[in-house]
Amino acid sequence: MTQRDYVSRGKTNSANKKKPQKAKKQPSKSHAKAAEQNNPQMLLWIRLGVVIALLLGFAFWLWSIKDKAPEPDNIVEPAIAVKNEDGLPELPEEEWNYIKSLPGYEVEVDETEASKSDKRYLMQCASFRTRAQAEEMKAKIAFQGFEALIRSASGKNGDWFKVILGPFDAKRDAERTRHALRRANITTCQIWFWNL
């Protein structure tokens, strides 16, 4: 197919001009035969037939040679192992002392109670420009059984409404709450120290 130069032909009113349509050529008989021979389904069936014929031929060949195997004339009997009396001496019985001493042995461990942190935690789940969006997030959190607070903060970028939960005495409690909210597709919560 020849390439056409569409850039240099200009912007004439070619949309209104209609080009005469050329008569479509009928494919010749040689092209029709070539199309039939290149049929992918036909090639698939031919290949499948060849593979099956090869497998059947191989199976027949294996079956035909199974009875023609020559039998060996001289059969060698396995040699009987002769015990050497002058060999290595027998190993003595091993004695393990720790097996007898371990059942009565107890390890003493000093139990120290984990020190509790005096810091408290909060969890901020969102920060919005409008109070209506903050109220909507607070309602979603309330449906999960947690009570959220809305704190407003003013800054150089304007007013922000933060949706927070807490205070939590331990970070583990905050993590437990965050995982419960994550199961409800509220995934934006972050845990921080309470510094309000």
N, C-alpha and C. Protein backbone atom coordinates (compact mmCIF):
# COMPACT_ATOMS: atom_id res chain seq x y z
N MET A 1 0.86 -1.17 0.00
CA MET A 1 0.00 0.00 0.00
C MET A 1 0.90 1.22 0.00
N THR A 2 0.60 2.13 -0.85
CA THR A 2 1.43 3.34 -0.93
C THR A 2 1.06 4.29 0.17
N GLN A 3 2.06 5.06 0.60
CA GLN A 3 1.82 6.04 1.65
C GLN A 3 1.32 7.33 1.04
N ARG A 4 0.47 8.01 1.77
CA ARG A 4 -0.09 9.27 1.29
C ARG A 4 0.40 10.40 2.16
N ASP A 5 0.59 11.53 1.56
CA ASP A 5 1.05 12.71 2.28
C ASP A 5 -0.16 13.58 2.54
N TYR A 6 -0.69 13.49 3.75
CA TYR A 6 -1.89 14.25 4.09
C TYR A 6 -1.56 15.68 4.50
N VAL A 7 -0.33 15.97 4.86
CA VAL A 7 0.03 17.30 5.34
C VAL A 7 0.10 18.28 4.17
N SER A 8 0.71 17.88 3.08
CA SER A 8 0.95 18.81 1.98
C SER A 8 -0.23 18.95 1.03
N ARG A 9 -1.28 18.25 1.20
CA ARG A 9 -2.38 18.36 0.25
C ARG A 9 -3.22 19.61 0.45
N GLY A 10 -3.04 20.29 1.59
CA GLY A 10 -3.71 21.56 1.79
C GLY A 10 -5.07 21.39 2.40
N LYS A 11 -5.65 22.53 2.74
CA LYS A 11 -6.96 22.51 3.39
C LYS A 11 -8.00 23.02 2.39
N THR A 12 -8.27 22.27 1.41
CA THR A 12 -9.30 22.64 0.45
C THR A 12 -10.63 22.13 0.95
N ASN A 13 -11.63 22.48 0.28
CA ASN A 13 -12.97 22.05 0.67
C ASN A 13 -13.19 20.66 0.09
N SER A 14 -12.39 19.73 0.57
CA SER A 14 -12.46 18.37 0.04
C SER A 14 -13.62 17.58 0.61
N ALA A 15 -14.23 18.10 1.66
CA ALA A 15 -15.35 17.38 2.26
C ALA A 15 -16.56 17.41 1.33
N ASN A 16 -16.70 18.49 0.55
CA ASN A 16 -17.85 18.60 -0.34
C ASN A 16 -17.63 17.84 -1.64
N LYS A 17 -16.38 17.63 -2.01
CA LYS A 17 -16.09 16.90 -3.24
C LYS A 17 -16.17 15.41 -2.98
N LYS A 18 -16.79 14.73 -3.88
CA LYS A 18 -16.87 13.28 -3.75
C LYS A 18 -16.00 12.65 -4.82
N LYS A 19 -15.23 11.70 -4.40
CA LYS A 19 -14.37 11.00 -5.34
C LYS A 19 -15.16 9.85 -5.94
N PRO A 20 -14.90 9.56 -7.18
CA PRO A 20 -15.60 8.42 -7.79
C PRO A 20 -15.12 7.12 -7.14
N GLN A 21 -16.07 6.26 -6.91
CA GLN A 21 -15.75 4.99 -6.27
C GLN A 21 -15.28 4.00 -7.32
N LYS A 22 -14.24 3.28 -6.96
CA LYS A 22 -13.71 2.27 -7.87
C LYS A 22 -14.49 0.98 -7.67
N ALA A 23 -14.62 0.24 -8.70
CA ALA A 23 -15.31 -1.04 -8.61
C ALA A 23 -14.42 -2.02 -7.84
N LYS A 24 -15.02 -2.73 -6.95
CA LYS A 24 -14.27 -3.70 -6.15
C LYS A 24 -13.95 -4.92 -6.99
N LYS A 25 -12.73 -5.37 -6.86
CA LYS A 25 -12.29 -6.53 -7.62
C LYS A 25 -12.73 -7.80 -6.91
N GLN A 26 -13.11 -8.76 -7.67
CA GLN A 26 -13.45 -10.07 -7.12
C GLN A 26 -12.15 -10.85 -6.93
N PRO A 27 -12.00 -11.51 -5.80
CA PRO A 27 -10.77 -12.29 -5.60
C PRO A 27 -10.67 -13.42 -6.61
N SER A 28 -9.47 -13.65 -7.08
CA SER A 28 -9.28 -14.69 -8.08
C SER A 28 -9.37 -16.06 -7.42
N LYS A 29 -9.41 -17.09 -8.24
CA LYS A 29 -9.56 -18.45 -7.72
C LYS A 29 -8.33 -18.88 -6.95
N SER A 30 -7.17 -18.41 -7.36
CA SER A 30 -5.94 -18.81 -6.66
C SER A 30 -5.91 -18.20 -5.25
N HIS A 31 -6.44 -16.97 -5.11
CA HIS A 31 -6.50 -16.36 -3.78
C HIS A 31 -7.52 -17.08 -2.89
N ALA A 32 -8.61 -17.54 -3.46
CA ALA A 32 -9.61 -18.26 -2.67
C ALA A 32 -9.05 -19.58 -2.16
N LYS A 33 -8.27 -20.27 -3.01
CA LYS A 33 -7.67 -21.53 -2.58
C LYS A 33 -6.63 -21.28 -1.49
N ALA A 34 -5.88 -20.21 -1.61
CA ALA A 34 -4.87 -19.88 -0.59
C ALA A 34 -5.54 -19.55 0.74
N ALA A 35 -6.68 -18.89 0.69
CA ALA A 35 -7.40 -18.55 1.92
C ALA A 35 -7.92 -19.82 2.59
N GLU A 36 -8.36 -20.79 1.79
CA GLU A 36 -8.82 -22.04 2.38
C GLU A 36 -7.67 -22.82 3.01
N GLN A 37 -6.51 -22.77 2.36
CA GLN A 37 -5.38 -23.51 2.89
C GLN A 37 -4.81 -22.86 4.15
N ASN A 38 -4.97 -21.58 4.30
CA ASN A 38 -4.43 -20.88 5.46
C ASN A 38 -5.43 -20.82 6.61
N ASN A 39 -6.49 -21.55 6.50
CA ASN A 39 -7.49 -21.56 7.56
C ASN A 39 -6.85 -22.10 8.84
N PRO A 40 -6.83 -21.32 9.92
CA PRO A 40 -6.14 -21.77 11.14
C PRO A 40 -6.77 -23.00 11.79
N GLN A 41 -8.07 -23.15 11.63
CA GLN A 41 -8.70 -24.33 12.22
C GLN A 41 -8.29 -25.60 11.47
N MET A 42 -8.18 -25.48 10.19
CA MET A 42 -7.78 -26.63 9.39
C MET A 42 -6.34 -27.04 9.73
N LEU A 43 -5.47 -26.05 9.89
CA LEU A 43 -4.09 -26.35 10.27
C LEU A 43 -4.03 -27.01 11.64
N LEU A 44 -4.87 -26.57 12.53
CA LEU A 44 -4.91 -27.15 13.87
C LEU A 44 -5.29 -28.63 13.81
N TRP A 45 -6.30 -28.95 13.03
CA TRP A 45 -6.73 -30.35 12.92
C TRP A 45 -5.65 -31.21 12.25
N ILE A 46 -4.97 -30.64 11.27
CA ILE A 46 -3.90 -31.40 10.60
C ILE A 46 -2.77 -31.69 11.59
N ARG A 47 -2.37 -30.68 12.33
CA ARG A 47 -1.30 -30.86 13.32
C ARG A 47 -1.71 -31.88 14.39
N LEU A 48 -2.95 -31.79 14.84
CA LEU A 48 -3.44 -32.72 15.85
C LEU A 48 -3.42 -34.15 15.32
N GLY A 49 -3.80 -34.34 14.07
CA GLY A 49 -3.78 -35.66 13.47
C GLY A 49 -2.37 -36.22 13.36
N VAL A 50 -1.41 -35.37 13.00
CA VAL A 50 -0.01 -35.81 12.90
C VAL A 50 0.51 -36.22 14.27
N VAL A 51 0.21 -35.45 15.29
CA VAL A 51 0.69 -35.77 16.65
C VAL A 51 0.08 -37.09 17.13
N ILE A 52 -1.20 -37.28 16.90
CA ILE A 52 -1.85 -38.53 17.32
C ILE A 52 -1.25 -39.72 16.57
N ALA A 53 -0.99 -39.55 15.28
CA ALA A 53 -0.40 -40.64 14.50
C ALA A 53 1.00 -40.98 15.01
N LEU A 54 1.79 -39.97 15.35
CA LEU A 54 3.12 -40.22 15.89
C LEU A 54 3.05 -40.95 17.23
N LEU A 55 2.14 -40.54 18.09
CA LEU A 55 1.99 -41.20 19.39
C LEU A 55 1.56 -42.66 19.23
N LEU A 56 0.62 -42.90 18.34
CA LEU A 56 0.18 -44.28 18.11
C LEU A 56 1.31 -45.13 17.53
N GLY A 57 2.08 -44.56 16.61
CA GLY A 57 3.22 -45.28 16.04
C GLY A 57 4.27 -45.61 17.08
N PHE A 58 4.55 -44.66 17.96
CA PHE A 58 5.53 -44.89 19.03
C PHE A 58 5.04 -45.97 19.99
N ALA A 59 3.75 -45.94 20.34
CA ALA A 59 3.19 -46.95 21.24
C ALA A 59 3.24 -48.34 20.60
N PHE A 60 2.95 -48.43 19.30
CA PHE A 60 3.02 -49.72 18.61
C PHE A 60 4.45 -50.24 18.57
N TRP A 61 5.41 -49.35 18.33
CA TRP A 61 6.82 -49.74 18.29
C TRP A 61 7.27 -50.28 19.65
N LEU A 62 6.87 -49.61 20.73
CA LEU A 62 7.23 -50.09 22.07
C LEU A 62 6.60 -51.45 22.36
N TRP A 63 5.36 -51.64 21.93
CA TRP A 63 4.67 -52.91 22.17
C TRP A 63 5.32 -54.04 21.36
N SER A 64 5.79 -53.72 20.16
CA SER A 64 6.36 -54.77 19.31
C SER A 64 7.75 -55.21 19.78
N ILE A 65 8.51 -54.37 20.44
CA ILE A 65 9.86 -54.76 20.85
C ILE A 65 9.92 -55.34 22.25
N LYS A 66 8.81 -55.40 22.96
CA LYS A 66 8.87 -55.88 24.34
C LYS A 66 9.22 -57.36 24.43
N ASP A 67 8.83 -58.16 23.45
CA ASP A 67 9.11 -59.60 23.49
C ASP A 67 10.44 -59.95 22.84
N LYS A 68 11.09 -59.05 22.17
CA LYS A 68 12.31 -59.34 21.42
C LYS A 68 13.58 -59.04 22.21
N ALA A 69 13.48 -58.78 23.49
CA ALA A 69 14.66 -58.46 24.29
C ALA A 69 15.50 -59.72 24.48
N PRO A 70 16.82 -59.66 24.22
CA PRO A 70 17.67 -60.85 24.40
C PRO A 70 17.89 -61.12 25.88
N GLU A 71 17.90 -62.40 26.22
CA GLU A 71 18.12 -62.77 27.61
C GLU A 71 19.61 -62.96 27.83
N PRO A 72 20.12 -62.49 28.96
CA PRO A 72 21.57 -62.64 29.21
C PRO A 72 21.93 -64.11 29.43
N ASP A 73 23.11 -64.49 28.91
CA ASP A 73 23.55 -65.88 29.03
C ASP A 73 24.16 -66.17 30.39
N ASN A 74 24.97 -65.28 30.89
CA ASN A 74 25.63 -65.54 32.17
C ASN A 74 25.03 -64.63 33.24
N ILE A 75 24.37 -65.26 34.18
CA ILE A 75 23.74 -64.52 35.27
C ILE A 75 24.70 -64.54 36.45
N VAL A 76 25.02 -63.38 36.96
CA VAL A 76 25.95 -63.26 38.07
C VAL A 76 25.16 -63.27 39.37
N GLU A 77 25.55 -64.16 40.29
CA GLU A 77 24.88 -64.21 41.58
C GLU A 77 25.50 -63.17 42.49
N PRO A 78 24.70 -62.54 43.33
CA PRO A 78 25.26 -61.52 44.22
C PRO A 78 26.22 -62.15 45.22
N ALA A 79 27.30 -61.46 45.48
CA ALA A 79 28.32 -61.97 46.40
C ALA A 79 27.82 -61.83 47.83
N ILE A 80 28.12 -62.83 48.63
CA ILE A 80 27.72 -62.82 50.04
C ILE A 80 28.80 -62.07 50.80
N ALA A 81 28.37 -61.11 51.60
CA ALA A 81 29.33 -60.30 52.35
C ALA A 81 29.94 -61.13 53.47
N VAL A 82 31.24 -61.12 53.54
CA VAL A 82 31.95 -61.86 54.56
C VAL A 82 32.21 -60.91 55.72
N LYS A 83 31.83 -61.33 56.92
CA LYS A 83 32.04 -60.49 58.09
C LYS A 83 33.49 -60.57 58.52
N ASN A 84 34.03 -59.41 58.77
CA ASN A 84 35.41 -59.34 59.21
C ASN A 84 35.43 -59.27 60.72
N GLU A 85 36.03 -60.26 61.36
CA GLU A 85 36.09 -60.31 62.81
C GLU A 85 37.08 -59.30 63.37
N ASP A 86 38.04 -58.90 62.58
CA ASP A 86 39.06 -57.96 63.05
C ASP A 86 38.66 -56.52 62.78
N GLY A 87 37.40 -56.25 62.53
CA GLY A 87 36.93 -54.90 62.18
C GLY A 87 36.90 -53.97 63.37
N LEU A 88 36.13 -52.95 63.27
CA LEU A 88 36.02 -51.94 64.31
C LEU A 88 35.30 -52.49 65.53
N PRO A 89 35.68 -52.04 66.72
CA PRO A 89 34.97 -52.50 67.91
C PRO A 89 33.60 -51.83 68.01
N GLU A 90 32.74 -52.40 68.81
CA GLU A 90 31.40 -51.85 68.98
C GLU A 90 31.47 -50.56 69.78
N LEU A 91 30.56 -49.66 69.46
CA LEU A 91 30.53 -48.38 70.16
C LEU A 91 29.97 -48.56 71.56
N PRO A 92 30.53 -47.86 72.54
CA PRO A 92 29.99 -47.97 73.89
C PRO A 92 28.68 -47.18 74.00
N GLU A 93 27.89 -47.51 75.00
CA GLU A 93 26.64 -46.80 75.25
C GLU A 93 26.94 -45.36 75.66
N GLU A 94 26.22 -44.43 75.10
CA GLU A 94 26.42 -43.03 75.46
C GLU A 94 25.54 -42.70 76.65
N GLU A 95 26.07 -41.93 77.54
CA GLU A 95 25.30 -41.51 78.71
C GLU A 95 25.07 -40.01 78.62
N TRP A 96 23.84 -39.63 78.70
CA TRP A 96 23.48 -38.22 78.65
C TRP A 96 23.00 -37.79 80.03
N ASN A 97 23.71 -36.89 80.62
CA ASN A 97 23.38 -36.44 81.97
C ASN A 97 22.24 -35.43 81.99
N TYR A 98 22.14 -34.65 80.96
CA TYR A 98 21.14 -33.58 80.99
C TYR A 98 19.71 -34.13 80.95
N ILE A 99 19.51 -35.30 80.43
CA ILE A 99 18.17 -35.88 80.38
C ILE A 99 17.66 -36.13 81.80
N LYS A 100 18.56 -36.54 82.67
CA LYS A 100 18.15 -36.82 84.05
C LYS A 100 18.05 -35.54 84.88
N SER A 101 18.86 -34.54 84.56
CA SER A 101 18.89 -33.34 85.40
C SER A 101 17.85 -32.29 85.00
N LEU A 102 17.38 -32.29 83.78
CA LEU A 102 16.45 -31.24 83.34
C LEU A 102 15.06 -31.30 83.96
N PRO A 103 14.45 -32.44 84.19
CA PRO A 103 13.09 -32.43 84.74
C PRO A 103 12.98 -31.76 86.10
N GLY A 104 14.00 -31.78 86.91
CA GLY A 104 13.92 -31.17 88.23
C GLY A 104 14.46 -29.75 88.26
N TYR A 105 14.88 -29.22 87.14
CA TYR A 105 15.51 -27.90 87.11
C TYR A 105 14.48 -26.85 86.73
N GLU A 106 14.40 -25.79 87.49
CA GLU A 106 13.48 -24.69 87.19
C GLU A 106 14.27 -23.41 87.01
N VAL A 107 13.89 -22.65 86.02
CA VAL A 107 14.55 -21.38 85.74
C VAL A 107 13.75 -20.28 86.40
N GLU A 108 14.43 -19.45 87.17
CA GLU A 108 13.75 -18.34 87.82
C GLU A 108 13.94 -17.09 86.97
N VAL A 109 12.83 -16.43 86.67
CA VAL A 109 12.86 -15.23 85.84
C VAL A 109 12.29 -14.09 86.66
N ASP A 110 13.02 -12.99 86.67
CA ASP A 110 12.52 -11.81 87.36
C ASP A 110 11.43 -11.16 86.50
N GLU A 111 10.25 -11.09 87.04
CA GLU A 111 9.15 -10.49 86.30
C GLU A 111 9.11 -9.00 86.57
N THR A 112 9.27 -8.25 85.51
CA THR A 112 9.18 -6.79 85.64
C THR A 112 7.94 -6.35 84.90
N GLU A 113 7.17 -5.55 85.52
CA GLU A 113 5.94 -5.07 84.91
C GLU A 113 6.30 -3.99 83.89
N ALA A 114 5.64 -4.05 82.76
CA ALA A 114 5.91 -3.07 81.71
C ALA A 114 5.55 -1.69 82.22
N SER A 115 6.44 -0.77 81.98
CA SER A 115 6.20 0.58 82.48
C SER A 115 5.14 1.26 81.63
N LYS A 116 4.19 1.87 82.27
CA LYS A 116 3.13 2.55 81.55
C LYS A 116 3.61 3.95 81.19
N SER A 117 3.28 4.34 80.00
CA SER A 117 3.67 5.67 79.55
C SER A 117 2.70 6.69 80.12
N ASP A 118 3.23 7.84 80.49
CA ASP A 118 2.35 8.88 81.01
C ASP A 118 1.76 9.72 79.88
N LYS A 119 2.12 9.39 78.65
CA LYS A 119 1.60 10.13 77.50
C LYS A 119 0.26 9.53 77.08
N ARG A 120 -0.60 10.37 76.62
CA ARG A 120 -1.90 9.92 76.11
C ARG A 120 -1.90 10.12 74.60
N TYR A 121 -2.77 9.39 73.94
CA TYR A 121 -2.79 9.39 72.48
C TYR A 121 -4.13 9.88 71.97
N LEU A 122 -4.09 10.47 70.76
CA LEU A 122 -5.31 10.80 70.05
C LEU A 122 -5.19 10.24 68.65
N MET A 123 -6.34 10.09 68.00
CA MET A 123 -6.35 9.59 66.64
C MET A 123 -7.13 10.57 65.78
N GLN A 124 -6.45 11.12 64.77
CA GLN A 124 -7.11 12.05 63.86
C GLN A 124 -7.46 11.28 62.60
N CYS A 125 -8.75 11.31 62.25
CA CYS A 125 -9.19 10.54 61.09
C CYS A 125 -9.38 11.40 59.85
N ALA A 126 -9.57 12.70 60.02
CA ALA A 126 -9.76 13.54 58.84
C ALA A 126 -9.59 14.99 59.23
N SER A 127 -9.40 15.82 58.21
CA SER A 127 -9.34 17.27 58.38
C SER A 127 -10.00 17.88 57.15
N PHE A 128 -11.07 18.64 57.39
CA PHE A 128 -11.88 19.16 56.28
C PHE A 128 -11.94 20.68 56.32
N ARG A 129 -12.27 21.27 55.17
CA ARG A 129 -12.45 22.71 55.08
C ARG A 129 -13.83 23.14 55.54
N THR A 130 -14.82 22.25 55.42
CA THR A 130 -16.19 22.60 55.82
C THR A 130 -16.62 21.75 56.99
N ARG A 131 -17.47 22.33 57.80
CA ARG A 131 -17.96 21.61 58.98
C ARG A 131 -18.91 20.47 58.57
N ALA A 132 -19.62 20.62 57.45
CA ALA A 132 -20.55 19.58 57.01
C ALA A 132 -19.81 18.28 56.69
N GLN A 133 -18.65 18.39 56.04
CA GLN A 133 -17.87 17.18 55.74
C GLN A 133 -17.36 16.53 57.02
N ALA A 134 -16.96 17.36 57.98
CA ALA A 134 -16.49 16.83 59.27
C ALA A 134 -17.62 16.13 60.00
N GLU A 135 -18.83 16.68 59.96
CA GLU A 135 -19.98 16.04 60.60
C GLU A 135 -20.30 14.71 59.94
N GLU A 136 -20.14 14.64 58.62
CA GLU A 136 -20.40 13.39 57.90
C GLU A 136 -19.41 12.30 58.33
N MET A 137 -18.13 12.65 58.46
CA MET A 137 -17.13 11.68 58.91
C MET A 137 -17.40 11.28 60.36
N LYS A 138 -17.83 12.22 61.19
CA LYS A 138 -18.15 11.92 62.58
C LYS A 138 -19.30 10.92 62.65
N ALA A 139 -20.28 11.07 61.75
CA ALA A 139 -21.42 10.14 61.72
C ALA A 139 -20.97 8.74 61.30
N LYS A 140 -20.05 8.64 60.31
CA LYS A 140 -19.55 7.33 59.88
C LYS A 140 -18.84 6.62 61.04
N ILE A 141 -18.07 7.41 61.80
CA ILE A 141 -17.36 6.83 62.94
C ILE A 141 -18.34 6.42 64.03
N ALA A 142 -19.40 7.21 64.21
CA ALA A 142 -20.40 6.89 65.23
C ALA A 142 -21.14 5.59 64.89
N PHE A 143 -21.33 5.31 63.60
CA PHE A 143 -21.97 4.06 63.20
C PHE A 143 -21.11 2.85 63.57
N GLN A 144 -19.81 3.04 63.75
CA GLN A 144 -18.93 1.95 64.15
C GLN A 144 -18.84 1.81 65.67
N GLY A 145 -19.51 2.70 66.40
CA GLY A 145 -19.56 2.58 67.85
C GLY A 145 -18.53 3.41 68.59
N PHE A 146 -17.92 4.39 67.94
CA PHE A 146 -16.91 5.23 68.57
C PHE A 146 -17.38 6.67 68.56
N GLU A 147 -16.98 7.41 69.58
CA GLU A 147 -17.38 8.80 69.68
C GLU A 147 -16.23 9.68 69.21
N ALA A 148 -16.51 10.51 68.22
CA ALA A 148 -15.50 11.40 67.65
C ALA A 148 -15.79 12.84 68.05
N LEU A 149 -14.76 13.65 68.04
CA LEU A 149 -14.88 15.08 68.33
C LEU A 149 -14.47 15.86 67.10
N ILE A 150 -15.04 17.06 66.96
CA ILE A 150 -14.65 17.95 65.87
C ILE A 150 -13.98 19.16 66.50
N ARG A 151 -12.72 19.37 66.16
CA ARG A 151 -11.97 20.53 66.65
C ARG A 151 -11.70 21.44 65.46
N SER A 152 -11.93 22.73 65.67
CA SER A 152 -11.63 23.67 64.59
C SER A 152 -10.25 24.27 64.85
N ALA A 153 -9.52 24.47 63.77
CA ALA A 153 -8.18 25.06 63.86
C ALA A 153 -8.08 26.14 62.80
N SER A 154 -7.55 27.28 63.21
CA SER A 154 -7.36 28.40 62.27
C SER A 154 -5.88 28.53 61.98
N GLY A 155 -5.57 28.72 60.75
CA GLY A 155 -4.18 28.87 60.34
C GLY A 155 -4.08 29.84 59.20
N LYS A 156 -2.90 29.95 58.61
CA LYS A 156 -2.73 30.88 57.51
C LYS A 156 -3.45 30.41 56.26
N ASN A 157 -3.82 29.12 56.20
CA ASN A 157 -4.57 28.60 55.05
C ASN A 157 -6.07 28.65 55.27
N GLY A 158 -6.51 29.17 56.37
CA GLY A 158 -7.94 29.26 56.65
C GLY A 158 -8.34 28.35 57.78
N ASP A 159 -9.64 28.12 57.91
CA ASP A 159 -10.17 27.27 58.98
C ASP A 159 -10.21 25.82 58.53
N TRP A 160 -9.84 24.92 59.46
CA TRP A 160 -9.88 23.49 59.23
C TRP A 160 -10.68 22.85 60.35
N PHE A 161 -11.42 21.80 60.03
CA PHE A 161 -12.21 21.07 61.01
C PHE A 161 -11.65 19.65 61.10
N LYS A 162 -11.04 19.32 62.23
CA LYS A 162 -10.39 18.03 62.44
C LYS A 162 -11.34 17.08 63.15
N VAL A 163 -11.41 15.87 62.66
CA VAL A 163 -12.22 14.81 63.30
C VAL A 163 -11.25 13.93 64.07
N ILE A 164 -11.37 13.95 65.42
CA ILE A 164 -10.42 13.21 66.25
C ILE A 164 -11.16 12.29 67.20
N LEU A 165 -10.48 11.24 67.64
CA LEU A 165 -10.97 10.31 68.64
C LEU A 165 -9.95 10.28 69.77
N GLY A 166 -10.42 10.11 70.97
CA GLY A 166 -9.48 9.99 72.08
C GLY A 166 -9.93 10.84 73.25
N PRO A 167 -9.16 10.92 74.25
CA PRO A 167 -7.79 10.43 74.41
C PRO A 167 -7.75 8.94 74.75
N PHE A 168 -6.65 8.30 74.35
CA PHE A 168 -6.40 6.89 74.65
C PHE A 168 -5.23 6.83 75.64
N ASP A 169 -5.35 6.00 76.66
CA ASP A 169 -4.28 5.87 77.65
C ASP A 169 -3.10 5.05 77.12
N ALA A 170 -3.38 4.11 76.22
CA ALA A 170 -2.31 3.26 75.66
C ALA A 170 -2.42 3.27 74.14
N LYS A 171 -1.28 3.13 73.50
CA LYS A 171 -1.27 3.12 72.04
C LYS A 171 -1.99 1.88 71.51
N ARG A 172 -1.95 0.82 72.27
CA ARG A 172 -2.63 -0.42 71.86
C ARG A 172 -4.13 -0.20 71.72
N ASP A 173 -4.72 0.59 72.61
CA ASP A 173 -6.15 0.89 72.51
C ASP A 173 -6.44 1.70 71.24
N ALA A 174 -5.56 2.65 70.95
CA ALA A 174 -5.73 3.45 69.73
C ALA A 174 -5.59 2.59 68.49
N GLU A 175 -4.65 1.66 68.50
CA GLU A 175 -4.47 0.76 67.35
C GLU A 175 -5.69 -0.14 67.17
N ARG A 176 -6.25 -0.62 68.26
CA ARG A 176 -7.44 -1.47 68.19
C ARG A 176 -8.60 -0.71 67.55
N THR A 177 -8.76 0.56 67.94
CA THR A 177 -9.83 1.38 67.37
C THR A 177 -9.55 1.65 65.90
N ARG A 178 -8.30 1.92 65.55
CA ARG A 178 -7.96 2.19 64.15
C ARG A 178 -8.23 0.97 63.27
N HIS A 179 -7.93 -0.23 63.77
CA HIS A 179 -8.20 -1.44 62.99
C HIS A 179 -9.70 -1.66 62.81
N ALA A 180 -10.48 -1.34 63.82
CA ALA A 180 -11.94 -1.47 63.69
C ALA A 180 -12.46 -0.50 62.64
N LEU A 181 -11.92 0.71 62.62
CA LEU A 181 -12.35 1.68 61.61
C LEU A 181 -11.85 1.29 60.22
N ARG A 182 -10.69 0.68 60.14
CA ARG A 182 -10.16 0.26 58.84
C ARG A 182 -11.04 -0.82 58.23
N ARG A 183 -11.62 -1.70 59.07
CA ARG A 183 -12.54 -2.72 58.55
C ARG A 183 -13.80 -2.09 57.98
N ALA A 184 -14.11 -0.84 58.41
CA ALA A 184 -15.28 -0.12 57.91
C ALA A 184 -14.89 0.85 56.79
N ASN A 185 -13.72 0.67 56.19
CA ASN A 185 -13.21 1.50 55.08
C ASN A 185 -12.96 2.94 55.47
N ILE A 186 -12.59 3.18 56.70
CA ILE A 186 -12.12 4.51 57.12
C ILE A 186 -10.63 4.33 57.36
N THR A 187 -9.83 4.64 56.34
CA THR A 187 -8.42 4.27 56.35
C THR A 187 -7.48 5.45 56.55
N THR A 188 -8.00 6.62 56.85
CA THR A 188 -7.14 7.81 56.93
C THR A 188 -6.73 8.16 58.34
N CYS A 189 -6.99 7.34 59.32
CA CYS A 189 -6.72 7.68 60.73
C CYS A 189 -5.24 7.55 61.04
N GLN A 190 -4.74 8.54 61.82
CA GLN A 190 -3.35 8.54 62.27
C GLN A 190 -3.32 8.75 63.77
N ILE A 191 -2.37 8.08 64.43
CA ILE A 191 -2.27 8.15 65.89
C ILE A 191 -1.13 9.10 66.26
N TRP A 192 -1.43 10.05 67.16
CA TRP A 192 -0.44 11.03 67.62
C TRP A 192 -0.54 11.15 69.13
N PHE A 193 0.48 11.80 69.70
CA PHE A 193 0.42 12.12 71.12
C PHE A 193 -0.62 13.22 71.34
N TRP A 194 -1.30 13.13 72.47
CA TRP A 194 -2.32 14.12 72.82
C TRP A 194 -1.61 15.38 73.32
N ASN A 195 -1.72 16.46 72.56
CA ASN A 195 -1.07 17.70 72.97
C ASN A 195 -2.02 18.88 72.86
N LEU A 196 -3.29 18.63 73.10
CA LEU A 196 -4.27 19.71 73.01
C LEU A 196 -4.36 20.48 74.29
